């Protein structure tokens, strides 16, 4: 399940390929998370990121789902922050497609 994390007050999005990457990538857990940071999976489900103790982050699924249009706006803001000249022209058929684009763009 590919997913992306969104940080409160910041247009940065981070791509996470799957659960094993989430579990093994210490950079994803190093600084901790704000109570309003979220993880969005490829189906649009929204998860809160809970700091149970230092460097032990758990995902808590909420009842909310992100709509495709809202995901598109997050990605446009993210791409614009990175200096992408055509961010306003982005469009996606699904949230899964949108998240995979984050992954492709994060490869550098």
PDB file of N, CA and C in Angstrom:
ATOM      1  N   UNK A   1       0.843  -1.165   0.000  1.00  0.00           N
ATOM      2  CA  UNK A   1       0.000   0.000   0.000  1.00  0.00           C
ATOM      3  C   UNK A   1       0.894   1.235   0.000  1.00  0.00           C
ATOM      4  N   UNK A   2       0.962   1.941  -1.108  1.00  0.00           N
ATOM      5  CA  UNK A   2       1.699   3.190  -1.187  1.00  0.00           C
ATOM      6  C   UNK A   2       0.919   4.249  -0.431  1.00  0.00           C
ATOM      7  N   UNK A   3       1.641   5.194   0.159  1.00  0.00           N
ATOM      8  CA  UNK A   3       0.982   6.256   0.897  1.00  0.00           C
ATOM      9  C   UNK A   3       1.854   7.497   0.893  1.00  0.00           C
ATOM     10  N   UNK A   4       1.284   8.579   1.340  1.00  0.00           N
ATOM     11  CA  UNK A   4       2.015   9.827   1.458  1.00  0.00           C
ATOM     12  C   UNK A   4       1.709  10.447   2.806  1.00  0.00           C
ATOM     13  N   UNK A   5       2.683  11.162   3.359  1.00  0.00           N
ATOM     14  CA  UNK A   5       2.447  11.863   4.609  1.00  0.00           C
ATOM     15  C   UNK A   5       2.366  13.352   4.324  1.00  0.00           C
ATOM     16  N   UNK A   6       1.468  14.017   5.018  1.00  0.00           N
ATOM     17  CA  UNK A   6       1.307  15.454   4.894  1.00  0.00           C
ATOM     18  C   UNK A   6       1.548  16.067   6.258  1.00  0.00           C
ATOM     19  N   UNK A   7       2.342  17.149   6.283  1.00  0.00           N
ATOM     20  CA  UNK A   7       2.734  17.780   7.526  1.00  0.00           C
ATOM     21  C   UNK A   7       1.964  19.079   7.726  1.00  0.00           C
ATOM     22  N   UNK A   8       1.408  19.266   8.912  1.00  0.00           N
ATOM     23  CA  UNK A   8       0.622  20.464   9.225  1.00  0.00           C
ATOM     24  C   UNK A   8       1.450  21.719   8.953  1.00  0.00           C
ATOM     25  N   UNK A   9       0.842  22.654   8.228  1.00  0.00           N
ATOM     26  CA  UNK A   9       1.485  23.935   7.983  1.00  0.00           C
ATOM     27  C   UNK A   9       2.614  23.882   6.977  1.00  0.00           C
ATOM     28  N   UNK A  10       2.774  22.790   6.281  1.00  0.00           N
ATOM     29  CA  UNK A  10       3.877  22.626   5.338  1.00  0.00           C
ATOM     30  C   UNK A  10       3.333  21.934   4.096  1.00  0.00           C
ATOM     31  N   UNK A  11       3.840  22.333   2.941  1.00  0.00           N
ATOM     32  CA  UNK A  11       3.383  21.722   1.696  1.00  0.00           C
ATOM     33  C   UNK A  11       4.225  20.512   1.298  1.00  0.00           C
ATOM     34  N   UNK A  12       5.124  20.097   2.174  1.00  0.00           N
ATOM     35  CA  UNK A  12       5.950  18.933   1.875  1.00  0.00           C
ATOM     36  C   UNK A  12       5.126  17.653   2.011  1.00  0.00           C
ATOM     37  N   UNK A  13       5.262  16.782   1.037  1.00  0.00           N
ATOM     38  CA  UNK A  13       4.649  15.457   1.086  1.00  0.00           C
ATOM     39  C   UNK A  13       5.766  14.434   0.986  1.00  0.00           C
ATOM     40  N   UNK A  14       5.657  13.374   1.718  1.00  0.00           N
ATOM     41  CA  UNK A  14       6.657  12.307   1.692  1.00  0.00           C
ATOM     42  C   UNK A  14       5.990  11.022   1.231  1.00  0.00           C
ATOM     43  N   UNK A  15       6.630  10.340   0.299  1.00  0.00           N
ATOM     44  CA  UNK A  15       6.116   9.089  -0.246  1.00  0.00           C
ATOM     45  C   UNK A  15       6.617   7.920   0.595  1.00  0.00           C
ATOM     46  N   UNK A  16       5.719   6.976   0.888  1.00  0.00           N
ATOM     47  CA  UNK A  16       6.072   5.746   1.601  1.00  0.00           C
ATOM     48  C   UNK A  16       5.535   4.593   0.761  1.00  0.00           C
ATOM     49  N   UNK A  17       6.422   3.739   0.260  1.00  0.00           N
ATOM     50  CA  UNK A  17       6.019   2.681  -0.655  1.00  0.00           C
ATOM     51  C   UNK A  17       5.071   1.672  -0.022  1.00  0.00           C
ATOM     52  N   UNK A  18       5.404   1.195   1.187  1.00  0.00           N
ATOM     53  CA  UNK A  18       4.579   0.168   1.814  1.00  0.00           C
ATOM     54  C   UNK A  18       4.895   0.072   3.301  1.00  0.00           C
ATOM     55  N   UNK A  19       4.222  -0.838   3.971  1.00  0.00           N
ATOM     56  CA  UNK A  19       4.378  -1.004   5.422  1.00  0.00           C
ATOM     57  C   UNK A  19       5.806  -1.344   5.809  1.00  0.00           C
ATOM     58  N   UNK A  20       6.492  -2.158   5.021  1.00  0.00           N
ATOM     59  CA  UNK A  20       7.869  -2.530   5.381  1.00  0.00           C
ATOM     60  C   UNK A  20       8.797  -1.318   5.326  1.00  0.00           C
ATOM     61  N   UNK A  21       8.567  -0.415   4.368  1.00  0.00           N
ATOM     62  CA  UNK A  21       9.359   0.821   4.318  1.00  0.00           C
ATOM     63  C   UNK A  21       9.029   1.677   5.531  1.00  0.00           C
ATOM     64  N   UNK A  22       7.735   1.784   5.850  1.00  0.00           N
ATOM     65  CA  UNK A  22       7.338   2.560   7.026  1.00  0.00           C
ATOM     66  C   UNK A  22       8.029   2.027   8.276  1.00  0.00           C
ATOM     67  N   UNK A  23       8.060   0.711   8.427  1.00  0.00           N
ATOM     68  CA  UNK A  23       8.659   0.095   9.616  1.00  0.00           C
ATOM     69  C   UNK A  23      10.170   0.236   9.662  1.00  0.00           C
ATOM     70  N   UNK A  24      10.831   0.210   8.514  1.00  0.00           N
ATOM     71  CA  UNK A  24      12.293   0.140   8.507  1.00  0.00           C
ATOM     72  C   UNK A  24      12.999   1.471   8.275  1.00  0.00           C
ATOM     73  N   UNK A  25      12.324   2.477   7.762  1.00  0.00           N
ATOM     74  CA  UNK A  25      12.974   3.758   7.452  1.00  0.00           C
ATOM     75  C   UNK A  25      12.990   4.644   8.692  1.00  0.00           C
ATOM     76  N   UNK A  26      14.122   4.675   9.379  1.00  0.00           N
ATOM     77  CA  UNK A  26      14.223   5.436  10.626  1.00  0.00           C
ATOM     78  C   UNK A  26      14.056   6.933  10.408  1.00  0.00           C
ATOM     79  N   UNK A  27      14.343   7.435   9.215  1.00  0.00           N
ATOM     80  CA  UNK A  27      14.146   8.859   8.942  1.00  0.00           C
ATOM     81  C   UNK A  27      12.673   9.250   9.066  1.00  0.00           C
ATOM     82  N   UNK A  28      11.768   8.319   8.776  1.00  0.00           N
ATOM     83  CA  UNK A  28      10.343   8.611   8.884  1.00  0.00           C
ATOM     84  C   UNK A  28       9.896   8.773  10.331  1.00  0.00           C
ATOM     85  N   UNK A  29      10.693   8.317  11.276  1.00  0.00           N
ATOM     86  CA  UNK A  29      10.317   8.342  12.692  1.00  0.00           C
ATOM     87  C   UNK A  29      11.222   9.228  13.548  1.00  0.00           C
ATOM     88  N   UNK A  30      12.269   9.761  12.968  1.00  0.00           N
ATOM     89  CA  UNK A  30      13.309  10.435  13.752  1.00  0.00           C
ATOM     90  C   UNK A  30      12.812  11.676  14.485  1.00  0.00           C
ATOM     91  N   UNK A  31      12.087  12.562  13.799  1.00  0.00           N
ATOM     92  CA  UNK A  31      11.722  13.841  14.401  1.00  0.00           C
ATOM     93  C   UNK A  31      10.377  13.835  15.113  1.00  0.00           C
ATOM     94  N   UNK A  32       9.598  12.810  14.938  1.00  0.00           N
ATOM     95  CA  UNK A  32       8.275  12.787  15.541  1.00  0.00           C
ATOM     96  C   UNK A  32       7.294  13.562  14.682  1.00  0.00           C
ATOM     97  N   UNK A  33       6.059  13.575  15.089  1.00  0.00           N
ATOM     98  CA  UNK A  33       5.007  14.189  14.294  1.00  0.00           C
ATOM     99  C   UNK A  33       4.144  15.091  15.136  1.00  0.00           C
ATOM    100  N   UNK A  34       3.567  16.080  14.498  1.00  0.00           N
ATOM    101  CA  UNK A  34       2.596  16.971  15.105  1.00  0.00           C
ATOM    102  C   UNK A  34       1.252  16.239  15.156  1.00  0.00           C
ATOM    103  N   UNK A  35       0.393  16.630  16.042  1.00  0.00           N
ATOM    104  CA  UNK A  35      -0.904  15.961  16.170  1.00  0.00           C
ATOM    105  C   UNK A  35      -1.777  16.113  14.927  1.00  0.00           C
ATOM    106  N   UNK A  36      -1.466  17.068  14.061  1.00  0.00           N
ATOM    107  CA  UNK A  36      -2.268  17.265  12.857  1.00  0.00           C
ATOM    108  C   UNK A  36      -1.614  16.710  11.591  1.00  0.00           C
ATOM    109  N   UNK A  37      -0.424  16.119  11.700  1.00  0.00           N
ATOM    110  CA  UNK A  37       0.197  15.451  10.555  1.00  0.00           C
ATOM    111  C   UNK A  37      -0.598  14.188  10.254  1.00  0.00           C
ATOM    112  N   UNK A  38      -0.688  13.850   8.976  1.00  0.00           N
ATOM    113  CA  UNK A  38      -1.467  12.669   8.599  1.00  0.00           C
ATOM    114  C   UNK A  38      -0.737  11.835   7.558  1.00  0.00           C
ATOM    115  N   UNK A  39      -1.150  10.595   7.451  1.00  0.00           N
ATOM    116  CA  UNK A  39      -0.721   9.702   6.389  1.00  0.00           C
ATOM    117  C   UNK A  39      -1.967   9.364   5.582  1.00  0.00           C
ATOM    118  N   UNK A  40      -1.839   9.428   4.260  1.00  0.00           N
ATOM    119  CA  UNK A  40      -2.960   9.123   3.365  1.00  0.00           C
ATOM    120  C   UNK A  40      -2.555   7.907   2.539  1.00  0.00           C
ATOM    121  N   UNK A  41      -3.345   6.843   2.604  1.00  0.00           N
ATOM    122  CA  UNK A  41      -2.985   5.664   1.826  1.00  0.00           C
ATOM    123  C   UNK A  41      -3.559   5.760   0.414  1.00  0.00           C
ATOM    124  N   UNK A  42      -3.223   4.778  -0.406  1.00  0.00           N
ATOM    125  CA  UNK A  42      -3.589   4.811  -1.819  1.00  0.00           C
ATOM    126  C   UNK A  42      -5.092   4.684  -2.059  1.00  0.00           C
ATOM    127  N   UNK A  43      -5.837   4.362  -1.021  1.00  0.00           N
ATOM    128  CA  UNK A  43      -7.297   4.306  -1.137  1.00  0.00           C
ATOM    129  C   UNK A  43      -7.957   5.582  -0.603  1.00  0.00           C
ATOM    130  N   UNK A  44      -7.132   6.503  -0.112  1.00  0.00           N
ATOM    131  CA  UNK A  44      -7.656   7.760   0.422  1.00  0.00           C
ATOM    132  C   UNK A  44      -7.943   7.742   1.904  1.00  0.00           C
ATOM    133  N   UNK A  45      -7.693   6.629   2.568  1.00  0.00           N
ATOM    134  CA  UNK A  45      -7.900   6.562   4.017  1.00  0.00           C
ATOM    135  C   UNK A  45      -6.875   7.452   4.713  1.00  0.00           C
ATOM    136  N   UNK A  46      -7.320   8.120   5.756  1.00  0.00           N
ATOM    137  CA  UNK A  46      -6.465   9.044   6.504  1.00  0.00           C
ATOM    138  C   UNK A  46      -6.114   8.429   7.850  1.00  0.00           C
ATOM    139  N   UNK A  47      -4.838   8.491   8.176  1.00  0.00           N
ATOM    140  CA  UNK A  47      -4.322   7.955   9.430  1.00  0.00           C
ATOM    141  C   UNK A  47      -3.659   9.068  10.226  1.00  0.00           C
ATOM    142  N   UNK A  48      -3.929   9.108  11.517  1.00  0.00           N
ATOM    143  CA  UNK A  48      -3.204   9.999  12.419  1.00  0.00           C
ATOM    144  C   UNK A  48      -1.872   9.327  12.742  1.00  0.00           C
ATOM    145  N   UNK A  49      -0.860  10.145  12.980  1.00  0.00           N
ATOM    146  CA  UNK A  49       0.468   9.635  13.329  1.00  0.00           C
ATOM    147  C   UNK A  49       0.683   9.906  14.811  1.00  0.00           C
ATOM    148  N   UNK A  50       0.710   8.863  15.596  1.00  0.00           N
ATOM    149  CA  UNK A  50       0.761   8.994  17.045  1.00  0.00           C
ATOM    150  C   UNK A  50       2.155   8.681  17.565  1.00  0.00           C
ATOM    151  N   UNK A  51       2.699   9.599  18.378  1.00  0.00           N
ATOM    152  CA  UNK A  51       3.989   9.405  19.038  1.00  0.00           C
ATOM    153  C   UNK A  51       3.741   8.740  20.384  1.00  0.00           C
ATOM    154  N   UNK A  52       3.763   7.440  20.410  1.00  0.00           N
ATOM    155  CA  UNK A  52       3.521   6.735  21.685  1.00  0.00           C
ATOM    156  C   UNK A  52       4.711   6.908  22.630  1.00  0.00           C
ATOM    157  N   UNK A  53       5.893   6.854  22.099  1.00  0.00           N
ATOM    158  CA  UNK A  53       7.094   7.200  22.851  1.00  0.00           C
ATOM    159  C   UNK A  53       8.127   7.649  21.825  1.00  0.00           C
ATOM    160  N   UNK A  54       9.267   8.066  22.252  1.00  0.00           N
ATOM    161  CA  UNK A  54      10.232   8.603  21.300  1.00  0.00           C
ATOM    162  C   UNK A  54      10.558   7.577  20.218  1.00  0.00           C
ATOM    163  N   UNK A  55      10.436   8.009  18.983  1.00  0.00           N
ATOM    164  CA  UNK A  55      10.780   7.235  17.786  1.00  0.00           C
ATOM    165  C   UNK A  55       9.897   5.999  17.561  1.00  0.00           C
ATOM    166  N   UNK A  56       8.785   5.883  18.262  1.00  0.00           N
ATOM    167  CA  UNK A  56       7.855   4.785  18.017  1.00  0.00           C
ATOM    168  C   UNK A  56       6.539   5.393  17.559  1.00  0.00           C
ATOM    169  N   UNK A  57       6.359   5.459  16.253  1.00  0.00           N
ATOM    170  CA  UNK A  57       5.192   6.103  15.668  1.00  0.00           C
ATOM    171  C   UNK A  57       4.183   5.031  15.256  1.00  0.00           C
ATOM    172  N   UNK A  58       2.956   5.219  15.660  1.00  0.00           N
ATOM    173  CA  UNK A  58       1.909   4.282  15.256  1.00  0.00           C
ATOM    174  C   UNK A  58       0.896   5.004  14.378  1.00  0.00           C
ATOM    175  N   UNK A  59       0.277   4.238  13.504  1.00  0.00           N
ATOM    176  CA  UNK A  59      -0.754   4.760  12.624  1.00  0.00           C
ATOM    177  C   UNK A  59      -2.113   4.451  13.226  1.00  0.00           C
ATOM    178  N   UNK A  60      -2.948   5.474  13.317  1.00  0.00           N
ATOM    179  CA  UNK A  60      -4.291   5.285  13.846  1.00  0.00           C
ATOM    180  C   UNK A  60      -5.281   5.690  12.763  1.00  0.00           C
ATOM    181  N   UNK A  61      -5.969   4.710  12.183  1.00  0.00           N
ATOM    182  CA  UNK A  61      -6.893   4.996  11.094  1.00  0.00           C
ATOM    183  C   UNK A  61      -8.092   5.784  11.600  1.00  0.00           C
ATOM    184  N   UNK A  62      -8.401   6.831  10.861  1.00  0.00           N
ATOM    185  CA  UNK A  62      -9.587   7.622  11.198  1.00  0.00           C
ATOM    186  C   UNK A  62     -10.740   7.164  10.314  1.00  0.00           C
ATOM    187  N   UNK A  63     -11.882   7.717  10.537  1.00  0.00           N
ATOM    188  CA  UNK A  63     -13.046   7.389   9.708  1.00  0.00           C
ATOM    189  C   UNK A  63     -13.067   8.234   8.448  1.00  0.00           C
ATOM    190  N   UNK A  64     -12.165   9.210   8.375  1.00  0.00           N
ATOM    191  CA  UNK A  64     -12.163  10.138   7.244  1.00  0.00           C
ATOM    192  C   UNK A  64     -11.416   9.556   6.045  1.00  0.00           C
ATOM    193  N   UNK A  65     -11.834  10.012   4.871  1.00  0.00           N
ATOM    194  CA  UNK A  65     -11.139   9.709   3.624  1.00  0.00           C
ATOM    195  C   UNK A  65     -10.938  11.023   2.894  1.00  0.00           C
ATOM    196  N   UNK A  66      -9.821  11.131   2.191  1.00  0.00           N
ATOM    197  CA  UNK A  66      -9.578  12.337   1.410  1.00  0.00           C
ATOM    198  C   UNK A  66     -10.232  12.181   0.041  1.00  0.00           C
ATOM    199  N   UNK A  67     -10.796  13.253  -0.448  1.00  0.00           N
ATOM    200  CA  UNK A  67     -11.381  13.264  -1.779  1.00  0.00           C
ATOM    201  C   UNK A  67     -10.268  13.521  -2.793  1.00  0.00           C
ATOM    202  N   UNK A  68     -10.461  13.047  -3.999  1.00  0.00           N
ATOM    203  CA  UNK A  68      -9.455  13.210  -5.054  1.00  0.00           C
ATOM    204  C   UNK A  68      -9.103  14.678  -5.264  1.00  0.00           C
ATOM    205  N   UNK A  69     -10.073  15.547  -5.266  1.00  0.00           N
ATOM    206  CA  UNK A  69      -9.812  16.975  -5.485  1.00  0.00           C
ATOM    207  C   UNK A  69      -8.932  17.552  -4.375  1.00  0.00           C
ATOM    208  N   UNK A  70      -9.163  17.160  -3.128  1.00  0.00           N
ATOM    209  CA  UNK A  70      -8.336  17.630  -2.011  1.00  0.00           C
ATOM    210  C   UNK A  70      -6.912  17.108  -2.129  1.00  0.00           C
ATOM    211  N   UNK A  71      -6.772  15.849  -2.549  1.00  0.00           N
ATOM    212  CA  UNK A  71      -5.437  15.273  -2.750  1.00  0.00           C
ATOM    213  C   UNK A  71      -4.709  16.020  -3.862  1.00  0.00           C
ATOM    214  N   UNK A  72      -5.426  16.343  -4.915  1.00  0.00           N
ATOM    215  CA  UNK A  72      -4.852  17.085  -6.025  1.00  0.00           C
ATOM    216  C   UNK A  72      -4.333  18.441  -5.551  1.00  0.00           C
ATOM    217  N   UNK A  73      -5.097  19.114  -4.701  1.00  0.00           N
ATOM    218  CA  UNK A  73      -4.662  20.418  -4.191  1.00  0.00           C
ATOM    219  C   UNK A  73      -3.400  20.284  -3.328  1.00  0.00           C
ATOM    220  N   UNK A  74      -3.318  19.234  -2.508  1.00  0.00           N
ATOM    221  CA  UNK A  74      -2.106  19.002  -1.711  1.00  0.00           C
ATOM    222  C   UNK A  74      -0.894  18.813  -2.613  1.00  0.00           C
ATOM    223  N   UNK A  75      -1.059  18.029  -3.667  1.00  0.00           N
ATOM    224  CA  UNK A  75       0.061  17.739  -4.557  1.00  0.00           C
ATOM    225  C   UNK A  75       0.442  18.975  -5.364  1.00  0.00           C
ATOM    226  N   UNK A  76      -0.528  19.747  -5.797  1.00  0.00           N
ATOM    227  CA  UNK A  76      -0.215  20.984  -6.519  1.00  0.00           C
ATOM    228  C   UNK A  76       0.610  21.926  -5.633  1.00  0.00           C
ATOM    229  N   UNK A  77       0.224  22.078  -4.366  1.00  0.00           N
ATOM    230  CA  UNK A  77       0.960  22.934  -3.437  1.00  0.00           C
ATOM    231  C   UNK A  77       2.366  22.389  -3.218  1.00  0.00           C
ATOM    232  N   UNK A  78       2.486  21.081  -3.070  1.00  0.00           N
ATOM    233  CA  UNK A  78       3.790  20.434  -2.883  1.00  0.00           C
ATOM    234  C   UNK A  78       4.696  20.667  -4.095  1.00  0.00           C
ATOM    235  N   UNK A  79       4.167  20.406  -5.279  1.00  0.00           N
ATOM    236  CA  UNK A  79       4.954  20.566  -6.508  1.00  0.00           C
ATOM    237  C   UNK A  79       5.328  22.032  -6.726  1.00  0.00           C
ATOM    238  N   UNK A  80       4.422  22.936  -6.414  1.00  0.00           N
ATOM    239  CA  UNK A  80       4.696  24.359  -6.555  1.00  0.00           C
ATOM    240  C   UNK A  80       5.822  24.785  -5.617  1.00  0.00           C
ATOM    241  N   UNK A  81       5.808  24.270  -4.388  1.00  0.00           N
ATOM    242  CA  UNK A  81       6.868  24.562  -3.421  1.00  0.00           C
ATOM    243  C   UNK A  81       8.219  24.080  -3.932  1.00  0.00           C
ATOM    244  N   UNK A  82       8.210  22.977  -4.684  1.00  0.00           N
ATOM    245  CA  UNK A  82       9.452  22.432  -5.241  1.00  0.00           C
ATOM    246  C   UNK A  82       9.904  23.181  -6.494  1.00  0.00           C
ATOM    247  N   UNK A  83       9.070  24.118  -6.963  1.00  0.00           N
ATOM    248  CA  UNK A  83       9.435  24.906  -8.127  1.00  0.00           C
ATOM    249  C   UNK A  83       8.975  24.317  -9.449  1.00  0.00           C
ATOM    250  N   UNK A  84       8.080  23.351  -9.416  1.00  0.00           N
ATOM    251  CA  UNK A  84       7.564  22.767 -10.654  1.00  0.00           C
ATOM    252  C   UNK A  84       6.733  23.826 -11.379  1.00  0.00           C
ATOM    253  N   UNK A  85       7.094  24.107 -12.617  1.00  0.00           N
ATOM    254  CA  UNK A  85       6.453  25.211 -13.343  1.00  0.00           C
ATOM    255  C   UNK A  85       5.019  24.900 -13.752  1.00  0.00           C
ATOM    256  N   UNK A  86       4.667  23.666 -13.911  1.00  0.00           N
ATOM    257  CA  UNK A  86       3.334  23.317 -14.430  1.00  0.00           C
ATOM    258  C   UNK A  86       2.471  22.618 -13.390  1.00  0.00           C
ATOM    259  N   UNK A  87       2.705  22.898 -12.125  1.00  0.00           N
ATOM    260  CA  UNK A  87       1.959  22.218 -11.062  1.00  0.00           C
ATOM    261  C   UNK A  87       0.452  22.437 -11.192  1.00  0.00           C
ATOM    262  N   UNK A  88       0.047  23.593 -11.650  1.00  0.00           N
ATOM    263  CA  UNK A  88      -1.382  23.880 -11.746  1.00  0.00           C
ATOM    264  C   UNK A  88      -2.084  23.035 -12.800  1.00  0.00           C
ATOM    265  N   UNK A  89      -1.326  22.417 -13.686  1.00  0.00           N
ATOM    266  CA  UNK A  89      -1.911  21.610 -14.760  1.00  0.00           C
ATOM    267  C   UNK A  89      -2.040  20.130 -14.398  1.00  0.00           C
ATOM    268  N   UNK A  90      -1.631  19.755 -13.202  1.00  0.00           N
ATOM    269  CA  UNK A  90      -1.691  18.355 -12.795  1.00  0.00           C
ATOM    270  C   UNK A  90      -3.129  17.859 -12.708  1.00  0.00           C
ATOM    271  N   UNK A  91      -3.324  16.599 -13.050  1.00  0.00           N
ATOM    272  CA  UNK A  91      -4.609  15.951 -12.827  1.00  0.00           C
ATOM    273  C   UNK A  91      -4.366  14.450 -12.667  1.00  0.00           C
ATOM    274  N   UNK A  92      -5.257  13.804 -11.944  1.00  0.00           N
ATOM    275  CA  UNK A  92      -5.124  12.381 -11.660  1.00  0.00           C
ATOM    276  C   UNK A  92      -6.486  11.717 -11.764  1.00  0.00           C
ATOM    277  N   UNK A  93      -6.486  10.440 -12.069  1.00  0.00           N
ATOM    278  CA  UNK A  93      -7.723   9.664 -12.140  1.00  0.00           C
ATOM    279  C   UNK A  93      -8.079   9.034 -10.797  1.00  0.00           C
ATOM    280  N   UNK A  94      -7.072   8.890  -9.926  1.00  0.00           N
ATOM    281  CA  UNK A  94      -7.306   8.240  -8.637  1.00  0.00           C
ATOM    282  C   UNK A  94      -6.295   8.734  -7.611  1.00  0.00           C
ATOM    283  N   UNK A  95      -6.590   8.504  -6.360  1.00  0.00           N
ATOM    284  CA  UNK A  95      -5.661   8.856  -5.286  1.00  0.00           C
ATOM    285  C   UNK A  95      -4.406   7.998  -5.386  1.00  0.00           C
ATOM    286  N   UNK A  96      -4.561   6.718  -5.752  1.00  0.00           N
ATOM    287  CA  UNK A  96      -3.393   5.844  -5.912  1.00  0.00           C
ATOM    288  C   UNK A  96      -2.444   6.411  -6.963  1.00  0.00           C
ATOM    289  N   UNK A  97      -2.973   6.881  -8.067  1.00  0.00           N
ATOM    290  CA  UNK A  97      -2.141   7.477  -9.114  1.00  0.00           C
ATOM    291  C   UNK A  97      -1.430   8.728  -8.589  1.00  0.00           C
ATOM    292  N   UNK A  98      -2.150   9.557  -7.841  1.00  0.00           N
ATOM    293  CA  UNK A  98      -1.569  10.776  -7.282  1.00  0.00           C
ATOM    294  C   UNK A  98      -0.411  10.447  -6.347  1.00  0.00           C
ATOM    295  N   UNK A  99      -0.591   9.454  -5.504  1.00  0.00           N
ATOM    296  CA  UNK A  99       0.465   9.086  -4.558  1.00  0.00           C
ATOM    297  C   UNK A  99       1.679   8.526  -5.287  1.00  0.00           C
ATOM    298  N   UNK A 100       1.458   7.759  -6.332  1.00  0.00           N
ATOM    299  CA  UNK A 100       2.595   7.229  -7.103  1.00  0.00           C
ATOM    300  C   UNK A 100       3.381   8.364  -7.766  1.00  0.00           C
ATOM    301  N   UNK A 101       2.716   9.441  -8.145  1.00  0.00           N
ATOM    302  CA  UNK A 101       3.413  10.589  -8.714  1.00  0.00           C
ATOM    303  C   UNK A 101       4.311  11.232  -7.663  1.00  0.00           C
ATOM    304  N   UNK A 102       3.846  11.299  -6.419  1.00  0.00           N
ATOM    305  CA  UNK A 102       4.706  11.800  -5.343  1.00  0.00           C
ATOM    306  C   UNK A 102       5.968  10.950  -5.265  1.00  0.00           C
ATOM    307  N   UNK A 103       5.796   9.636  -5.328  1.00  0.00           N
ATOM    308  CA  UNK A 103       6.935   8.733  -5.268  1.00  0.00           C
ATOM    309  C   UNK A 103       7.902   8.944  -6.416  1.00  0.00           C
ATOM    310  N   UNK A 104       7.362   9.081  -7.626  1.00  0.00           N
ATOM    311  CA  UNK A 104       8.228   9.310  -8.795  1.00  0.00           C
ATOM    312  C   UNK A 104       8.988  10.619  -8.661  1.00  0.00           C
ATOM    313  N   UNK A 105       8.316  11.653  -8.193  1.00  0.00           N
ATOM    314  CA  UNK A 105       8.963  12.967  -8.067  1.00  0.00           C
ATOM    315  C   UNK A 105       9.951  13.022  -6.918  1.00  0.00           C
ATOM    316  N   UNK A 106       9.795  12.183  -5.913  1.00  0.00           N
ATOM    317  CA  UNK A 106      10.727  12.167  -4.780  1.00  0.00           C
ATOM    318  C   UNK A 106      12.013  11.412  -5.086  1.00  0.00           C
ATOM    319  N   UNK A 107      12.031  10.689  -6.207  1.00  0.00           N
ATOM    320  CA  UNK A 107      13.248   9.955  -6.568  1.00  0.00           C
ATOM    321  C   UNK A 107      14.389  10.895  -6.912  1.00  0.00           C
ATOM    322  N   UNK A 108      14.042  12.125  -7.270  1.00  0.00           N
ATOM    323  CA  UNK A 108      15.065  13.129  -7.562  1.00  0.00           C
ATOM    324  C   UNK A 108      15.557  12.973  -8.905  1.00  0.00           C
TER     325      UNK A 108
END
